[in-house]
């Protein structure tokens, strides 16, 4: 595919996908298949529930694909101390292998207007990982937020020092494509956007539009489907923004 006159190869698309296996009934066989797929496609990461992360790290060791730690997934409604402990417990068990952290933020704090506490909840995980080089993403659950709340959440996440702000877990409904635009306007340019939780229906088409609108990463259980579609049947598709002349 081509966006703004730049070609996105299959490898480029794959490098922007966090492949996910987050079902509560995921088995070892499913994890092994996902990791084999990730090695084949060279995804950015494979995210599972924390129980499986050490196995994922072992299976992906040397591949360049990170093992994803899903902190406080899927609700984010645990204490800050518990979030830090959960994250560091997994990090320590990975024995230095490549990993990344996606942390669900505490929406109750945001909804109650307790913005300093909301920020500090995120910052505690960022600070615990300081100097490790581990990427941290804050999951905002945008489907439950107004545009104004999304902007506030982005400002708090940026202040906390995250590397990316992420739309959703998908457990509370899919994010809107327009959430990407709201987030991009609210975030400083050095903080990326991950679009996730958008489900499997029309996933390639949503992925294409998400990239066009400014998403840097995608989270999906259909990483292979997305790459094959965007580099295959949509490989010759060209898209760019046209200035509004109204």
C-alpha atoms as a PDB file:
ATOM      1  CA  UNK A   1       0.000   0.000   0.000  1.00  0.00           C
ATOM      2  CA  UNK A   2       0.998   3.628  -0.418  1.00  0.00           C
ATOM      3  CA  UNK A   3       0.199   6.393   2.060  1.00  0.00           C
ATOM      4  CA  UNK A   4       1.208   9.968   1.263  1.00  0.00           C
ATOM      5  CA  UNK A   5       3.314   8.704  -1.663  1.00  0.00           C
ATOM      6  CA  UNK A   6       5.336   6.328   0.514  1.00  0.00           C
ATOM      7  CA  UNK A   7       5.228   2.594  -0.076  1.00  0.00           C
ATOM      8  CA  UNK A   8       4.572   0.363   2.919  1.00  0.00           C
ATOM      9  CA  UNK A   9       6.041  -3.072   2.304  1.00  0.00           C
ATOM     10  CA  UNK A  10       4.861  -6.222   4.057  1.00  0.00           C
ATOM     11  CA  UNK A  11       7.843  -5.992   6.397  1.00  0.00           C
ATOM     12  CA  UNK A  12       7.080  -2.348   7.192  1.00  0.00           C
ATOM     13  CA  UNK A  13       3.481  -3.189   8.071  1.00  0.00           C
ATOM     14  CA  UNK A  14       4.515  -6.197  10.164  1.00  0.00           C
ATOM     15  CA  UNK A  15       7.033  -4.113  12.119  1.00  0.00           C
ATOM     16  CA  UNK A  16       4.143  -1.914  13.247  1.00  0.00           C
ATOM     17  CA  UNK A  17       1.939  -4.716  14.553  1.00  0.00           C
ATOM     18  CA  UNK A  18       1.715  -6.042  18.092  1.00  0.00           C
ATOM     19  CA  UNK A  19       0.209  -9.503  17.619  1.00  0.00           C
ATOM     20  CA  UNK A  20      -2.084 -10.493  20.501  1.00  0.00           C
ATOM     21  CA  UNK A  21      -3.278 -13.682  22.210  1.00  0.00           C
ATOM     22  CA  UNK A  22      -5.247 -12.330  25.148  1.00  0.00           C
ATOM     23  CA  UNK A  23      -8.195 -14.709  25.452  1.00  0.00           C
ATOM     24  CA  UNK A  24      -8.569 -16.050  29.008  1.00  0.00           C
ATOM     25  CA  UNK A  25      -8.669 -19.611  27.647  1.00  0.00           C
ATOM     26  CA  UNK A  26      -5.520 -19.294  25.540  1.00  0.00           C
ATOM     27  CA  UNK A  27      -3.485 -22.510  25.682  1.00  0.00           C
ATOM     28  CA  UNK A  28       0.230 -23.193  25.364  1.00  0.00           C
ATOM     29  CA  UNK A  29      -0.348 -24.476  21.839  1.00  0.00           C
ATOM     30  CA  UNK A  30      -1.968 -21.158  20.880  1.00  0.00           C
ATOM     31  CA  UNK A  31       0.946 -19.225  22.369  1.00  0.00           C
ATOM     32  CA  UNK A  32       3.478 -21.351  20.504  1.00  0.00           C
ATOM     33  CA  UNK A  33       1.636 -20.872  17.208  1.00  0.00           C
ATOM     34  CA  UNK A  34       1.465 -17.106  17.755  1.00  0.00           C
ATOM     35  CA  UNK A  35       5.202 -16.913  18.428  1.00  0.00           C
ATOM     36  CA  UNK A  36       6.016 -18.990  15.351  1.00  0.00           C
ATOM     37  CA  UNK A  37       3.834 -16.631  13.334  1.00  0.00           C
ATOM     38  CA  UNK A  38       5.560 -13.609  14.862  1.00  0.00           C
ATOM     39  CA  UNK A  39       8.979 -14.966  13.928  1.00  0.00           C
ATOM     40  CA  UNK A  40       7.803 -15.617  10.374  1.00  0.00           C
ATOM     41  CA  UNK A  41       6.296 -12.167   9.873  1.00  0.00           C
ATOM     42  CA  UNK A  42       8.711 -10.197  12.099  1.00  0.00           C
ATOM     43  CA  UNK A  43       6.007  -8.444  14.119  1.00  0.00           C
ATOM     44  CA  UNK A  44       6.984  -5.785  16.635  1.00  0.00           C
ATOM     45  CA  UNK A  45       5.760  -7.774  19.637  1.00  0.00           C
ATOM     46  CA  UNK A  46       3.512 -10.566  20.870  1.00  0.00           C
ATOM     47  CA  UNK A  47       1.216  -9.630  23.764  1.00  0.00           C
ATOM     48  CA  UNK A  48      -0.310 -12.281  25.996  1.00  0.00           C
ATOM     49  CA  UNK A  49      -1.591 -12.455  29.534  1.00  0.00           C
ATOM     50  CA  UNK A  50       1.341 -12.132  31.994  1.00  0.00           C
ATOM     51  CA  UNK A  51       1.349 -15.830  32.890  1.00  0.00           C
ATOM     52  CA  UNK A  52       2.574 -16.621  29.372  1.00  0.00           C
ATOM     53  CA  UNK A  53       5.051 -13.761  28.914  1.00  0.00           C
ATOM     54  CA  UNK A  54       8.162 -15.686  30.072  1.00  0.00           C
ATOM     55  CA  UNK A  55       7.358 -18.468  27.590  1.00  0.00           C
ATOM     56  CA  UNK A  56       6.805 -15.888  24.844  1.00  0.00           C
ATOM     57  CA  UNK A  57      10.163 -14.284  25.629  1.00  0.00           C
ATOM     58  CA  UNK A  58      11.864 -17.679  25.467  1.00  0.00           C
ATOM     59  CA  UNK A  59      10.220 -18.600  22.162  1.00  0.00           C
ATOM     60  CA  UNK A  60      11.041 -15.218  20.617  1.00  0.00           C
ATOM     61  CA  UNK A  61      14.574 -14.940  21.982  1.00  0.00           C
ATOM     62  CA  UNK A  62      16.937 -13.643  19.294  1.00  0.00           C
ATOM     63  CA  UNK A  63      14.134 -12.894  16.831  1.00  0.00           C
ATOM     64  CA  UNK A  64      13.915  -9.141  17.403  1.00  0.00           C
ATOM     65  CA  UNK A  65      10.239  -9.536  18.350  1.00  0.00           C
ATOM     66  CA  UNK A  66       9.469  -8.305  21.866  1.00  0.00           C
ATOM     67  CA  UNK A  67       7.475 -10.167  24.504  1.00  0.00           C
ATOM     68  CA  UNK A  68       4.561  -7.992  25.566  1.00  0.00           C
ATOM     69  CA  UNK A  69       3.596  -7.556  29.218  1.00  0.00           C
ATOM     70  CA  UNK A  70      -0.100  -6.704  29.655  1.00  0.00           C
ATOM     71  CA  UNK A  71      -0.194  -4.893  32.982  1.00  0.00           C
ATOM     72  CA  UNK A  72      -3.483  -4.601  34.911  1.00  0.00           C
ATOM     73  CA  UNK A  73      -5.289  -6.103  31.941  1.00  0.00           C
ATOM     74  CA  UNK A  74      -8.096  -5.590  31.114  1.00  0.00           C
ATOM     75  CA  UNK A  75      -9.572  -3.200  33.713  1.00  0.00           C
ATOM     76  CA  UNK A  76      -6.685  -1.183  35.166  1.00  0.00           C
ATOM     77  CA  UNK A  77      -8.557  -0.986  38.471  1.00  0.00           C
ATOM     78  CA  UNK A  78      -5.845  -2.196  40.818  1.00  0.00           C
ATOM     79  CA  UNK A  79      -3.537  -0.238  43.086  1.00  0.00           C
ATOM     80  CA  UNK A  80      -0.482   1.510  41.723  1.00  0.00           C
ATOM     81  CA  UNK A  81       1.712  -0.679  43.906  1.00  0.00           C
ATOM     82  CA  UNK A  82       0.117  -3.779  42.386  1.00  0.00           C
ATOM     83  CA  UNK A  83       0.709  -2.492  38.852  1.00  0.00           C
ATOM     84  CA  UNK A  84       4.376  -1.918  39.537  1.00  0.00           C
ATOM     85  CA  UNK A  85       4.726  -5.296  41.267  1.00  0.00           C
ATOM     86  CA  UNK A  86       2.964  -7.165  38.450  1.00  0.00           C
ATOM     87  CA  UNK A  87       5.134  -5.503  35.830  1.00  0.00           C
ATOM     88  CA  UNK A  88       8.434  -6.004  37.623  1.00  0.00           C
ATOM     89  CA  UNK A  89       7.641  -9.609  38.531  1.00  0.00           C
ATOM     90  CA  UNK A  90       7.358 -10.448  34.836  1.00  0.00           C
ATOM     91  CA  UNK A  91      10.370  -8.321  33.835  1.00  0.00           C
ATOM     92  CA  UNK A  92      12.554 -10.117  36.375  1.00  0.00           C
ATOM     93  CA  UNK A  93      11.447 -13.514  35.085  1.00  0.00           C
ATOM     94  CA  UNK A  94      12.408 -12.561  31.515  1.00  0.00           C
ATOM     95  CA  UNK A  95      16.089 -12.444  32.465  1.00  0.00           C
ATOM     96  CA  UNK A  96      16.956  -9.519  30.223  1.00  0.00           C
ATOM     97  CA  UNK A  97      15.072 -10.675  27.129  1.00  0.00           C
ATOM     98  CA  UNK A  98      13.373  -8.036  24.958  1.00  0.00           C
ATOM     99  CA  UNK A  99       9.973  -6.894  26.224  1.00  0.00           C
ATOM    100  CA  UNK A 100       7.442  -4.054  26.145  1.00  0.00           C
ATOM    101  CA  UNK A 101       4.681  -3.010  28.553  1.00  0.00           C
ATOM    102  CA  UNK A 102       1.072  -2.073  27.808  1.00  0.00           C
ATOM    103  CA  UNK A 103      -0.578  -0.808  31.003  1.00  0.00           C
ATOM    104  CA  UNK A 104      -4.299  -0.214  31.435  1.00  0.00           C
ATOM    105  CA  UNK A 105      -4.823   3.139  33.113  1.00  0.00           C
ATOM    106  CA  UNK A 106      -7.195   3.720  36.037  1.00  0.00           C
ATOM    107  CA  UNK A 107     -10.277   5.267  34.437  1.00  0.00           C
ATOM    108  CA  UNK A 108     -11.985   5.897  37.766  1.00  0.00           C
ATOM    109  CA  UNK A 109      -9.283   8.422  38.660  1.00  0.00           C
ATOM    110  CA  UNK A 110      -9.682  10.149  35.304  1.00  0.00           C
ATOM    111  CA  UNK A 111     -13.486  10.207  35.470  1.00  0.00           C
ATOM    112  CA  UNK A 112     -13.372  11.616  39.025  1.00  0.00           C
ATOM    113  CA  UNK A 113     -11.086  14.416  37.901  1.00  0.00           C
ATOM    114  CA  UNK A 114      -8.203  13.159  40.067  1.00  0.00           C
ATOM    115  CA  UNK A 115      -5.716  13.903  37.339  1.00  0.00           C
ATOM    116  CA  UNK A 116      -2.573  14.029  39.471  1.00  0.00           C
ATOM    117  CA  UNK A 117      -3.334  10.560  40.850  1.00  0.00           C
ATOM    118  CA  UNK A 118      -4.148   9.294  37.349  1.00  0.00           C
ATOM    119  CA  UNK A 119      -0.815  10.625  36.094  1.00  0.00           C
ATOM    120  CA  UNK A 120       1.138   9.245  39.035  1.00  0.00           C
ATOM    121  CA  UNK A 121      -0.428   5.801  38.580  1.00  0.00           C
ATOM    122  CA  UNK A 122       1.046   5.685  35.076  1.00  0.00           C
ATOM    123  CA  UNK A 123       4.305   7.349  36.069  1.00  0.00           C
ATOM    124  CA  UNK A 124       5.032   4.773  38.771  1.00  0.00           C
ATOM    125  CA  UNK A 125       5.354   2.020  36.144  1.00  0.00           C
ATOM    126  CA  UNK A 126       7.402   4.275  33.859  1.00  0.00           C
ATOM    127  CA  UNK A 127       9.767   5.141  36.710  1.00  0.00           C
ATOM    128  CA  UNK A 128      10.111   1.509  37.785  1.00  0.00           C
ATOM    129  CA  UNK A 129      11.388   0.712  34.281  1.00  0.00           C
ATOM    130  CA  UNK A 130      13.584   3.789  33.924  1.00  0.00           C
ATOM    131  CA  UNK A 131      16.922   3.045  32.295  1.00  0.00           C
ATOM    132  CA  UNK A 132      15.821  -0.392  31.074  1.00  0.00           C
ATOM    133  CA  UNK A 133      14.954   0.686  27.547  1.00  0.00           C
ATOM    134  CA  UNK A 134      11.559  -1.028  27.881  1.00  0.00           C
ATOM    135  CA  UNK A 135       8.782   0.655  25.886  1.00  0.00           C
ATOM    136  CA  UNK A 136       5.709   1.649  27.939  1.00  0.00           C
ATOM    137  CA  UNK A 137       2.256   2.274  26.508  1.00  0.00           C
ATOM    138  CA  UNK A 138      -0.706   3.700  28.428  1.00  0.00           C
ATOM    139  CA  UNK A 139      -4.057   2.164  27.480  1.00  0.00           C
ATOM    140  CA  UNK A 140      -6.713   4.876  27.677  1.00  0.00           C
ATOM    141  CA  UNK A 141      -9.855   2.854  26.809  1.00  0.00           C
ATOM    142  CA  UNK A 142     -11.089   5.631  24.523  1.00  0.00           C
ATOM    143  CA  UNK A 143     -14.449   3.968  23.857  1.00  0.00           C
ATOM    144  CA  UNK A 144     -15.431   5.010  27.390  1.00  0.00           C
ATOM    145  CA  UNK A 145     -14.164   8.582  27.059  1.00  0.00           C
ATOM    146  CA  UNK A 146     -15.383  11.815  25.510  1.00  0.00           C
ATOM    147  CA  UNK A 147     -13.035  13.704  23.207  1.00  0.00           C
ATOM    148  CA  UNK A 148     -12.237  16.066  26.070  1.00  0.00           C
ATOM    149  CA  UNK A 149     -11.424  13.171  28.378  1.00  0.00           C
ATOM    150  CA  UNK A 150      -9.214  11.621  25.685  1.00  0.00           C
ATOM    151  CA  UNK A 151      -7.259  14.874  25.451  1.00  0.00           C
ATOM    152  CA  UNK A 152      -6.851  15.000  29.225  1.00  0.00           C
ATOM    153  CA  UNK A 153      -5.774  11.352  29.377  1.00  0.00           C
ATOM    154  CA  UNK A 154      -3.199  12.001  26.657  1.00  0.00           C
ATOM    155  CA  UNK A 155      -1.828  15.007  28.523  1.00  0.00           C
ATOM    156  CA  UNK A 156      -1.508  12.954  31.700  1.00  0.00           C
ATOM    157  CA  UNK A 157       0.151  10.040  29.891  1.00  0.00           C
ATOM    158  CA  UNK A 158       2.618  12.410  28.237  1.00  0.00           C
ATOM    159  CA  UNK A 159       3.445  13.987  31.593  1.00  0.00           C
ATOM    160  CA  UNK A 160       3.987  10.501  33.034  1.00  0.00           C
ATOM    161  CA  UNK A 161       6.614   9.822  30.374  1.00  0.00           C
ATOM    162  CA  UNK A 162       5.109   7.003  28.305  1.00  0.00           C
ATOM    163  CA  UNK A 163       6.369   6.119  24.837  1.00  0.00           C
ATOM    164  CA  UNK A 164       2.916   5.503  23.358  1.00  0.00           C
ATOM    165  CA  UNK A 165      -0.725   6.154  24.145  1.00  0.00           C
ATOM    166  CA  UNK A 166      -2.977   3.259  23.165  1.00  0.00           C
ATOM    167  CA  UNK A 167      -6.678   3.450  22.376  1.00  0.00           C
ATOM    168  CA  UNK A 168      -8.237   0.345  23.872  1.00  0.00           C
ATOM    169  CA  UNK A 169      -8.225  -3.178  25.193  1.00  0.00           C
ATOM    170  CA  UNK A 170     -11.380  -3.858  23.185  1.00  0.00           C
ATOM    171  CA  UNK A 171     -13.129  -5.202  26.269  1.00  0.00           C
ATOM    172  CA  UNK A 172     -15.276  -2.066  26.610  1.00  0.00           C
ATOM    173  CA  UNK A 173     -16.085  -1.708  22.925  1.00  0.00           C
ATOM    174  CA  UNK A 174     -14.019  -0.738  19.883  1.00  0.00           C
ATOM    175  CA  UNK A 175     -12.324   2.646  19.545  1.00  0.00           C
ATOM    176  CA  UNK A 176     -13.363   5.136  16.888  1.00  0.00           C
ATOM    177  CA  UNK A 177     -11.014   6.012  14.055  1.00  0.00           C
ATOM    178  CA  UNK A 178     -11.512   9.659  14.979  1.00  0.00           C
ATOM    179  CA  UNK A 179      -9.925   8.891  18.369  1.00  0.00           C
ATOM    180  CA  UNK A 180      -6.589   8.769  16.540  1.00  0.00           C
ATOM    181  CA  UNK A 181      -6.965  12.359  15.367  1.00  0.00           C
ATOM    182  CA  UNK A 182      -7.976  13.565  18.823  1.00  0.00           C
ATOM    183  CA  UNK A 183      -4.984  11.791  20.351  1.00  0.00           C
ATOM    184  CA  UNK A 184      -2.525  13.077  17.757  1.00  0.00           C
ATOM    185  CA  UNK A 185      -3.609  16.661  18.400  1.00  0.00           C
ATOM    186  CA  UNK A 186      -3.264  16.183  22.181  1.00  0.00           C
ATOM    187  CA  UNK A 187       0.067  14.344  22.262  1.00  0.00           C
ATOM    188  CA  UNK A 188       3.550  15.740  21.651  1.00  0.00           C
ATOM    189  CA  UNK A 189       5.053  14.416  18.398  1.00  0.00           C
ATOM    190  CA  UNK A 190       7.563  12.150  20.115  1.00  0.00           C
ATOM    191  CA  UNK A 191       4.800  10.037  21.696  1.00  0.00           C
ATOM    192  CA  UNK A 192       3.345   7.434  19.361  1.00  0.00           C
ATOM    193  CA  UNK A 193      -0.208   6.150  19.017  1.00  0.00           C
ATOM    194  CA  UNK A 194      -1.274   2.522  19.084  1.00  0.00           C
ATOM    195  CA  UNK A 195      -4.699   1.713  17.645  1.00  0.00           C
ATOM    196  CA  UNK A 196      -6.074  -1.502  19.087  1.00  0.00           C
ATOM    197  CA  UNK A 197      -9.213  -3.212  20.295  1.00  0.00           C
ATOM    198  CA  UNK A 198     -10.914  -2.737  16.916  1.00  0.00           C
ATOM    199  CA  UNK A 199     -11.925  -6.359  16.554  1.00  0.00           C
ATOM    200  CA  UNK A 200     -11.778  -8.675  13.564  1.00  0.00           C
ATOM    201  CA  UNK A 201     -14.654  -7.450  11.375  1.00  0.00           C
ATOM    202  CA  UNK A 202     -13.199  -5.478   8.437  1.00  0.00           C
ATOM    203  CA  UNK A 203      -9.890  -5.460  10.307  1.00  0.00           C
ATOM    204  CA  UNK A 204      -7.651  -4.824   7.244  1.00  0.00           C
ATOM    205  CA  UNK A 205      -9.751  -1.880   6.124  1.00  0.00           C
ATOM    206  CA  UNK A 206      -9.757  -0.391   9.633  1.00  0.00           C
ATOM    207  CA  UNK A 207      -6.006  -0.961   9.869  1.00  0.00           C
ATOM    208  CA  UNK A 208      -5.414   0.877   6.597  1.00  0.00           C
ATOM    209  CA  UNK A 209      -7.495   3.854   7.726  1.00  0.00           C
ATOM    210  CA  UNK A 210      -5.808   3.848  11.131  1.00  0.00           C
ATOM    211  CA  UNK A 211      -2.383   4.138   9.511  1.00  0.00           C
ATOM    212  CA  UNK A 212      -3.669   6.833   7.168  1.00  0.00           C
ATOM    213  CA  UNK A 213      -4.995   8.838  10.133  1.00  0.00           C
ATOM    214  CA  UNK A 214      -1.693   8.696  11.975  1.00  0.00           C
ATOM    215  CA  UNK A 215      -1.524   5.516  14.057  1.00  0.00           C
ATOM    216  CA  UNK A 216       2.052   4.328  14.542  1.00  0.00           C
ATOM    217  CA  UNK A 217       1.252   0.819  15.778  1.00  0.00           C
ATOM    218  CA  UNK A 218      -1.656  -1.607  15.645  1.00  0.00           C
ATOM    219  CA  UNK A 219      -2.664  -4.241  18.177  1.00  0.00           C
ATOM    220  CA  UNK A 220      -4.543  -7.219  16.762  1.00  0.00           C
ATOM    221  CA  UNK A 221      -5.006 -10.992  17.063  1.00  0.00           C
ATOM    222  CA  UNK A 222      -4.965 -11.023  13.245  1.00  0.00           C
ATOM    223  CA  UNK A 223      -1.484  -9.722  12.568  1.00  0.00           C
ATOM    224  CA  UNK A 224      -0.917 -12.119   9.690  1.00  0.00           C
ATOM    225  CA  UNK A 225      -4.281 -11.255   8.105  1.00  0.00           C
ATOM    226  CA  UNK A 226      -3.478  -7.548   8.276  1.00  0.00           C
ATOM    227  CA  UNK A 227      -0.056  -7.916   6.673  1.00  0.00           C
ATOM    228  CA  UNK A 228      -1.302 -10.218   3.922  1.00  0.00           C
ATOM    229  CA  UNK A 229      -4.211  -7.911   3.079  1.00  0.00           C
ATOM    230  CA  UNK A 230      -2.376  -4.579   3.248  1.00  0.00           C
ATOM    231  CA  UNK A 231       0.614  -5.849   1.270  1.00  0.00           C
ATOM    232  CA  UNK A 232      -1.512  -8.109  -0.932  1.00  0.00           C
ATOM    233  CA  UNK A 233      -4.951  -7.148  -2.186  1.00  0.00           C
ATOM    234  CA  UNK A 234      -4.492  -3.557  -1.014  1.00  0.00           C
ATOM    235  CA  UNK A 235      -0.858  -3.410  -2.080  1.00  0.00           C
ATOM    236  CA  UNK A 236      -1.544  -1.038  -4.965  1.00  0.00           C
ATOM    237  CA  UNK A 237      -3.925   1.172  -3.023  1.00  0.00           C
ATOM    238  CA  UNK A 238      -2.758   4.790  -2.766  1.00  0.00           C
ATOM    239  CA  UNK A 239      -4.147   7.274  -0.277  1.00  0.00           C
ATOM    240  CA  UNK A 240      -3.391  10.812   0.779  1.00  0.00           C
ATOM    241  CA  UNK A 241      -5.168  13.708   2.435  1.00  0.00           C
ATOM    242  CA  UNK A 242      -6.673  16.442   0.295  1.00  0.00           C
ATOM    243  CA  UNK A 243      -6.862  19.939   1.758  1.00  0.00           C
ATOM    244  CA  UNK A 244     -10.390  21.065   2.670  1.00  0.00           C
ATOM    245  CA  UNK A 245     -11.249  23.879   0.243  1.00  0.00           C
ATOM    246  CA  UNK A 246     -14.744  24.547   1.593  1.00  0.00           C
END
